[in-house]
Amino acid sequence: SSGFKWIQASNEMPVLSLLGTLLACSILAASNVVHHSLPEGPIIAAWQNWGRCNESQTLLAVERGVNVIFWFASSLLKVDGKPQVAGPLPDLDCVARVRKSIEAKDLDTRHLITIGGWNGPHPDTSFTGEEWFHAWHTWNQGLALPFDGFDWDLEGNDWTQSRYNVFSSACMQLVVDMSSFAKKAGYLVTMAPAQTYFDVTTSKFNRFLNNSNEDYHPDFFYRGRNCYAYWWAAAPEGTFDLVTIQLYESYAPAMQALHSGISEEEYLQSYAAQFLNGWTIHFDDPSLPLQGDVKIQVPHSKLLLGVSWGSPP
C-alpha cells in the first residue's frame, strides 16, 4: 500500500520455589507491561507514503479526525547474522516531532509502524516469530517515542515468479507467533490485507499471491487466496485489533461488484455484513498446522474498509 490513505500492564509476580528440603527463592523481575488500546469511538486511520513523514499534512489529518496513523514501512531482515528492523523507514526524528505536536493538542491518537509493502521482502525466517518479536521490541523501545504496535502489510511482487509471490509455511507461522507475542506484551497488532488476501467471496485458501480469476480480468496474476484470513484464524483469539481491507486492490472483488451495477452504499453494507455473519474457509495446506473447515468472523469493531487516492475508477 502507498499514499496517504484514509480509513474510516500486568506485573509478573515473584516466584517462590521449594525443592525438597532446600528453600530457594527464584525472583523473576517484574515486567511493567504497558497495554496499548485503540482510541474510543469510531476509528479513522491513515497510512503514510513510503518512508515519508509530512508534518503539516499529518497534523492536519489528525485535527480533522484521524486517530490511528500507520507509518510506512519497515522490513524484518537478517543483517550480519542477526534479526534487524530495516527500512524504508520514515525519518524517526520527524515521527517523534509529529507525535509531540499531536500530544500538545491533546488529540488521542495511536501510532503503528507497518511491516511489508508491495515489492517488499517477507520476514527472514532464519528466526522464529518469538525471536523477531524480541528484536522488534528492543528496537522499538530504543526510539524516542516507541510505536504503539505494528501493522502487517506483507504483499506480493511485480515479478510474478518472485519468491515473494508466495508466503512460505515458515513465514505463515512467523506472523502468527510474532503477533501473539506482541499482543501478550501489550502492543496493538493490526493487518491490512488486499481484498483477495482476506476474501469473503470464497472458501478457498492457498499461500500464493499470483493467483488469477477466470471470470474477471484473468490476465491479472496478483491475487491472493485468504492468506491473511489464515493468520486471523490461526492466532489466539483477540490477537488482532484491526483488519483493514484494501478495497483499492487492482481488479478486486469490490471493483467487480461495482462494475456489475451495484451501488457503492449497497455494496459496503452487504460486504461489512458478510464479515459479521461469517463464512467458512477450507484450510488444506499440509505444511500448516491449521486444517479443515474454519468459520471466520470479524466484528465490526475490528473491521476497517480501506480506500486510496489512487483507487481505480
Protein backbone atom coordinates (compact mmCIF):
# COMPACT_ATOMS: atom_id res chain seq x y z
CA SER A 1 0.00 0.00 0.00
CA SER A 2 1.13 3.55 -0.63
CA GLY A 3 -0.07 7.12 -0.49
CA PHE A 4 -1.72 8.90 2.43
CA LYS A 5 -4.87 6.78 2.70
CA TRP A 6 -7.81 7.46 4.99
CA ILE A 7 -9.78 4.63 6.51
CA GLN A 8 -12.69 5.05 8.23
CA ALA A 9 0.03 -3.78 32.26
CA SER A 10 0.17 -6.69 34.20
CA ASN A 11 3.13 -7.30 36.54
CA GLU A 12 4.72 -10.72 36.80
CA MET A 13 4.85 -11.70 40.47
CA PRO A 14 7.96 -13.15 42.13
CA VAL A 15 8.02 -16.93 42.16
CA LEU A 16 8.95 -18.95 45.28
CA SER A 17 10.33 -22.42 44.57
CA LEU A 18 10.62 -25.27 47.08
CA LEU A 19 12.99 -28.04 46.07
CA GLY A 20 12.94 -30.93 48.60
CA THR A 21 14.27 -29.63 51.93
CA LEU A 22 16.04 -26.73 50.26
CA LEU A 23 14.36 -23.38 50.13
CA ALA A 24 15.38 -21.49 47.05
CA CYS A 25 13.98 -18.13 46.16
CA SER A 26 13.75 -17.53 42.47
CA ILE A 27 12.62 -14.00 41.83
CA LEU A 28 11.59 -13.07 38.34
CA ALA A 29 11.99 -9.39 37.63
CA ALA A 30 8.62 -7.73 37.47
CA SER A 31 7.98 -6.51 33.99
CA ASN A 32 5.82 -3.43 33.62
CA VAL A 33 3.81 -4.21 30.52
CA VAL A 34 2.00 -1.25 29.02
CA HIS A 35 -1.23 -2.36 27.42
CA HIS A 36 -1.97 -0.22 24.39
CA SER A 37 -5.57 0.17 23.34
CA LEU A 38 -7.30 1.83 20.43
CA PRO A 39 -8.93 5.25 20.85
CA GLU A 40 -12.53 5.08 22.00
CA GLY A 41 -15.25 5.62 19.46
CA PRO A 42 -15.05 5.41 15.65
CA ILE A 43 -11.63 4.69 14.16
CA ILE A 44 -10.38 6.77 11.25
CA ALA A 45 -6.99 5.55 10.10
CA ALA A 46 -4.46 6.89 7.60
CA TRP A 47 -1.33 5.47 6.03
CA GLN A 48 1.79 7.45 5.26
CA ASN A 49 3.63 7.08 1.96
CA TRP A 50 6.81 5.03 1.60
CA GLY A 51 9.41 6.34 4.06
CA ARG A 52 7.66 9.69 4.33
CA CYS A 53 6.93 11.99 7.26
CA ASN A 54 4.88 15.01 6.27
CA GLU A 55 4.50 17.05 9.45
CA SER A 56 1.91 19.58 8.33
CA GLN A 57 -0.25 17.10 6.40
CA THR A 58 -0.26 14.58 9.24
CA LEU A 59 -1.16 17.15 11.87
CA LEU A 60 -3.96 18.50 9.67
CA ALA A 61 -5.33 14.97 9.16
CA VAL A 62 -5.40 14.34 12.91
CA GLU A 63 -7.11 17.68 13.53
CA ARG A 64 -9.77 16.55 11.05
CA GLY A 65 -10.41 13.28 12.90
CA VAL A 66 -7.73 10.71 12.03
CA ASN A 67 -6.91 8.84 15.24
CA VAL A 68 -4.75 5.93 14.06
CA ILE A 69 -1.65 6.58 11.94
CA PHE A 70 0.28 3.83 10.17
CA TRP A 71 3.84 4.88 9.44
CA PHE A 72 5.23 3.23 6.33
CA ALA A 73 7.22 0.99 6.30
CA SER A 74 9.65 -1.50 7.78
CA SER A 75 11.16 -4.87 6.88
CA LEU A 76 12.39 -7.73 9.04
CA LEU A 77 15.79 -8.65 7.64
CA LYS A 78 18.80 -10.73 8.59
CA VAL A 79 21.81 -8.41 8.83
CA ASP A 80 25.23 -9.74 9.85
CA GLY A 81 23.55 -12.87 11.10
CA LYS A 82 21.13 -11.02 13.38
CA PRO A 83 17.47 -10.02 13.11
CA GLN A 84 17.15 -6.33 12.26
CA VAL A 85 14.27 -3.94 11.72
CA ALA A 86 15.19 -2.22 8.46
CA GLY A 87 13.76 0.34 6.03
CA PRO A 88 12.41 2.01 4.11
CA LEU A 89 11.72 3.57 7.49
CA PRO A 90 10.40 7.12 7.79
CA ASP A 91 12.53 9.78 9.47
CA LEU A 92 12.01 8.64 13.05
CA ASP A 93 13.04 12.02 14.47
CA CYS A 94 10.33 13.59 12.31
CA VAL A 95 7.83 10.99 13.52
CA ALA A 96 8.66 11.92 17.12
CA ARG A 97 8.17 15.64 16.37
CA VAL A 98 4.80 14.98 14.76
CA ARG A 99 3.69 12.89 17.71
CA LYS A 100 4.74 15.56 20.21
CA SER A 101 2.78 18.17 18.23
CA ILE A 102 -0.28 15.92 18.31
CA GLU A 103 0.11 15.28 22.03
CA ALA A 104 0.46 19.04 22.65
CA LYS A 105 -3.00 19.46 21.12
CA ASP A 106 -4.34 16.66 23.35
CA LEU A 107 -5.56 14.67 20.34
CA ASP A 108 -5.95 10.98 21.24
CA THR A 109 -4.01 9.15 18.53
CA ARG A 110 -2.23 5.82 18.09
CA HIS A 111 0.90 5.28 16.01
CA LEU A 112 1.92 1.96 14.45
CA ILE A 113 4.74 1.01 12.11
CA THR A 114 3.85 -1.17 9.14
CA ILE A 115 5.78 -4.28 8.13
CA GLY A 116 5.97 -5.05 4.42
CA GLY A 117 4.51 -3.26 1.43
CA TRP A 118 4.24 -4.13 -2.26
CA ASN A 119 7.56 -5.43 -3.66
CA GLY A 120 8.90 -5.52 -0.10
CA PRO A 121 10.74 -8.57 1.27
CA HIS A 122 8.94 -11.00 3.51
CA PRO A 123 10.35 -11.52 7.02
CA ASP A 124 13.54 -13.56 7.18
CA THR A 125 12.57 -16.98 8.50
CA SER A 126 16.04 -17.73 9.87
CA PHE A 127 14.45 -16.50 13.10
CA THR A 128 11.24 -17.54 14.80
CA GLY A 129 8.29 -15.29 15.43
CA GLU A 130 9.28 -15.10 19.09
CA GLU A 131 12.84 -14.09 18.18
CA TRP A 132 11.53 -11.48 15.79
CA PHE A 133 9.22 -10.03 18.41
CA HIS A 134 12.07 -9.62 20.90
CA ALA A 135 14.23 -7.98 18.20
CA TRP A 136 11.38 -5.65 17.22
CA HIS A 137 10.56 -4.83 20.85
CA THR A 138 14.21 -3.97 21.59
CA TRP A 139 14.37 -1.74 18.51
CA ASN A 140 11.06 -0.07 19.35
CA GLN A 141 11.96 0.62 22.97
CA GLY A 142 15.13 2.35 21.79
CA LEU A 143 13.13 5.01 19.94
CA ALA A 144 12.49 8.47 21.36
CA LEU A 145 8.77 7.65 21.25
CA PRO A 146 8.10 3.92 20.82
CA PHE A 147 5.30 2.85 18.49
CA ASP A 148 2.06 1.53 19.97
CA GLY A 149 2.35 -1.60 17.84
CA PHE A 150 2.77 -2.80 14.29
CA ASP A 151 0.64 -3.45 11.22
CA TRP A 152 1.13 -6.39 8.84
CA ASP A 153 1.14 -5.22 5.21
CA LEU A 154 3.04 -8.08 3.60
CA GLU A 155 2.20 -8.34 -0.10
CA GLY A 156 3.43 -9.68 -3.42
CA ASN A 157 5.87 -8.59 -6.09
CA ASP A 158 5.67 -7.16 -9.62
CA TRP A 159 7.60 -10.13 -10.99
CA THR A 160 5.09 -12.97 -10.98
CA GLN A 161 7.83 -15.59 -10.48
CA SER A 162 9.33 -13.81 -7.47
CA ARG A 163 9.77 -15.87 -4.31
CA TYR A 164 7.81 -13.09 -2.62
CA ASN A 165 4.69 -14.08 -4.53
CA VAL A 166 4.16 -16.93 -2.11
CA PHE A 167 4.23 -16.96 1.67
CA SER A 168 6.42 -19.82 2.84
CA SER A 169 4.90 -22.03 5.52
CA ALA A 170 7.64 -20.76 7.87
CA CYS A 171 6.60 -17.16 7.16
CA MET A 172 2.95 -18.02 7.80
CA GLN A 173 3.83 -19.37 11.24
CA LEU A 174 6.24 -16.49 11.95
CA VAL A 175 3.45 -13.94 11.53
CA VAL A 176 1.13 -15.87 13.84
CA ASP A 177 3.77 -16.26 16.53
CA MET A 178 5.22 -12.74 16.39
CA SER A 179 1.71 -11.30 16.55
CA SER A 180 0.84 -13.47 19.53
CA PHE A 181 3.95 -12.45 21.49
CA ALA A 182 3.35 -8.78 20.67
CA LYS A 183 -0.24 -8.94 21.88
CA LYS A 184 0.83 -10.67 25.12
CA ALA A 185 3.31 -7.84 25.65
CA GLY A 186 0.52 -5.28 25.38
CA TYR A 187 1.07 -3.97 21.85
CA LEU A 188 -1.55 -3.23 19.22
CA VAL A 189 -1.37 -5.71 16.32
CA THR A 190 -3.23 -5.00 13.10
CA MET A 191 -3.32 -6.19 9.50
CA ALA A 192 -4.04 -4.53 6.16
CA PRO A 193 -4.76 -7.27 3.61
CA ALA A 194 -5.52 -6.68 -0.02
CA GLN A 195 -9.14 -7.66 -0.53
CA THR A 196 -8.34 -11.07 -2.05
CA TYR A 197 -5.95 -11.81 0.83
CA PHE A 198 -8.97 -11.85 3.22
CA ASP A 199 -11.85 -12.63 0.90
CA VAL A 200 -15.45 -13.20 1.99
CA THR A 201 -16.41 -14.24 -1.55
CA THR A 202 -14.58 -17.58 -1.45
CA SER A 203 -13.90 -20.54 0.82
CA LYS A 204 -10.64 -21.28 -0.99
CA PHE A 205 -7.18 -20.83 0.51
CA ASN A 206 -3.59 -21.01 -0.62
CA ARG A 207 -0.31 -19.28 0.19
CA PHE A 208 0.26 -17.89 -3.32
CA LEU A 209 -0.01 -14.22 -4.23
CA ASN A 210 0.00 -14.68 -8.02
CA ASN A 211 -3.42 -16.28 -8.48
CA SER A 212 -5.87 -15.15 -11.17
CA ASN A 213 -9.65 -15.30 -11.59
CA GLU A 214 -11.20 -16.79 -14.71
CA ASP A 215 -14.32 -14.63 -14.51
CA TYR A 216 -12.74 -11.18 -14.06
CA HIS A 217 -9.53 -9.91 -15.66
CA PRO A 218 -7.97 -13.38 -15.95
CA ASP A 219 -4.77 -11.75 -17.22
CA PHE A 220 -4.18 -10.20 -13.77
CA PHE A 221 -1.87 -12.53 -11.80
CA TYR A 222 -1.57 -10.80 -8.43
CA ARG A 223 -4.47 -12.11 -6.36
CA GLY A 224 -4.28 -13.80 -3.00
CA ARG A 225 -6.43 -16.60 -1.58
CA ASN A 226 -7.26 -15.83 2.04
CA CYS A 227 -3.68 -15.94 3.33
CA TYR A 228 -4.40 -13.20 5.88
CA ALA A 229 -7.57 -14.98 6.93
CA TYR A 230 -5.33 -17.89 7.94
CA TRP A 231 -3.38 -15.59 10.28
CA TRP A 232 -6.62 -14.34 11.81
CA ALA A 233 -7.87 -17.91 12.35
CA ALA A 234 -4.59 -19.49 13.49
CA ALA A 235 -3.60 -16.84 16.03
CA PRO A 236 -5.02 -16.90 19.56
CA GLU A 237 -8.40 -15.20 19.80
CA GLY A 238 -8.09 -11.46 20.24
CA THR A 239 -4.59 -11.22 18.78
CA PHE A 240 -5.51 -8.74 16.06
CA ASP A 241 -7.01 -5.36 16.94
CA LEU A 242 -7.94 -4.20 13.44
CA VAL A 243 -8.35 -5.67 9.96
CA THR A 244 -8.20 -3.03 7.22
CA ILE A 245 -9.36 -4.45 3.89
CA GLN A 246 -7.70 -2.79 0.89
CA LEU A 247 -10.75 -2.32 -1.33
CA TYR A 248 -8.48 -0.46 -3.74
CA GLU A 249 -6.65 -3.65 -4.74
CA SER A 250 -6.42 -3.76 -8.53
CA TYR A 251 -9.38 -5.61 -10.07
CA ALA A 252 -10.59 -6.51 -6.60
CA PRO A 253 -13.98 -8.09 -5.84
CA ALA A 254 -15.19 -4.59 -4.91
CA MET A 255 -14.40 -3.30 -8.40
CA GLN A 256 -16.04 -6.34 -9.96
CA ALA A 257 -19.21 -5.80 -7.91
CA LEU A 258 -19.43 -2.10 -8.74
CA HIS A 259 -18.93 -2.82 -12.43
CA SER A 260 -21.86 -5.23 -12.22
CA GLY A 261 -24.14 -2.32 -11.30
CA ILE A 262 -24.49 -2.49 -7.52
CA SER A 263 -24.40 0.88 -5.76
CA GLU A 264 -21.47 1.82 -3.55
CA GLU A 265 -23.70 2.12 -0.46
CA GLU A 266 -25.39 -1.23 -1.02
CA TYR A 267 -22.08 -2.94 -1.63
CA LEU A 268 -20.40 -1.61 1.51
CA GLN A 269 -23.37 -2.52 3.70
CA SER A 270 -23.62 -6.08 2.38
CA TYR A 271 -19.85 -6.52 2.41
CA ALA A 272 -19.50 -5.50 6.06
CA ALA A 273 -22.44 -7.75 6.98
CA GLN A 274 -20.63 -10.75 5.49
CA PHE A 275 -17.71 -10.25 7.87
CA LEU A 276 -20.06 -10.02 10.84
CA ASN A 277 -22.11 -13.06 9.82
CA GLY A 278 -19.04 -15.05 8.91
CA TRP A 279 -18.13 -17.57 6.24
CA THR A 280 -16.22 -20.84 6.13
CA ILE A 281 -12.74 -21.28 4.68
CA HIS A 282 -11.28 -24.70 3.91
CA PHE A 283 -7.65 -24.83 5.05
CA ASP A 284 -5.95 -27.86 3.50
CA ASP A 285 -2.27 -26.95 3.18
CA PRO A 286 -0.39 -29.94 4.67
CA SER A 287 2.57 -27.71 5.63
CA LEU A 288 0.43 -25.66 8.04
CA PRO A 289 -0.98 -26.70 11.43
CA LEU A 290 -4.48 -25.29 11.00
CA GLN A 291 -6.58 -27.72 8.96
CA GLY A 292 -10.17 -28.21 7.90
CA ASP A 293 -13.23 -26.00 7.64
CA VAL A 294 -12.98 -22.94 9.85
CA LYS A 295 -15.65 -20.27 10.27
CA ILE A 296 -14.22 -16.76 10.01
CA GLN A 297 -15.92 -13.78 11.63
CA VAL A 298 -14.62 -10.25 12.10
CA PRO A 299 -16.66 -8.00 14.41
CA HIS A 300 -17.48 -4.52 13.16
CA SER A 301 -15.39 -3.04 15.97
CA LYS A 302 -12.29 -4.52 14.30
CA LEU A 303 -13.18 -4.03 10.63
CA LEU A 304 -11.95 -1.05 8.59
CA LEU A 305 -12.58 -0.56 4.89
CA GLY A 306 -9.60 0.97 3.13
CA VAL A 307 -9.76 3.35 0.19
CA SER A 308 -7.00 5.22 -1.60
CA TRP A 309 -6.48 8.40 -3.55
CA GLY A 310 -5.13 6.09 -6.24
CA SER A 311 -8.07 3.67 -6.38
CA PRO A 312 -9.08 2.96 -10.00
CA PRO A 313 -12.48 4.33 -11.13
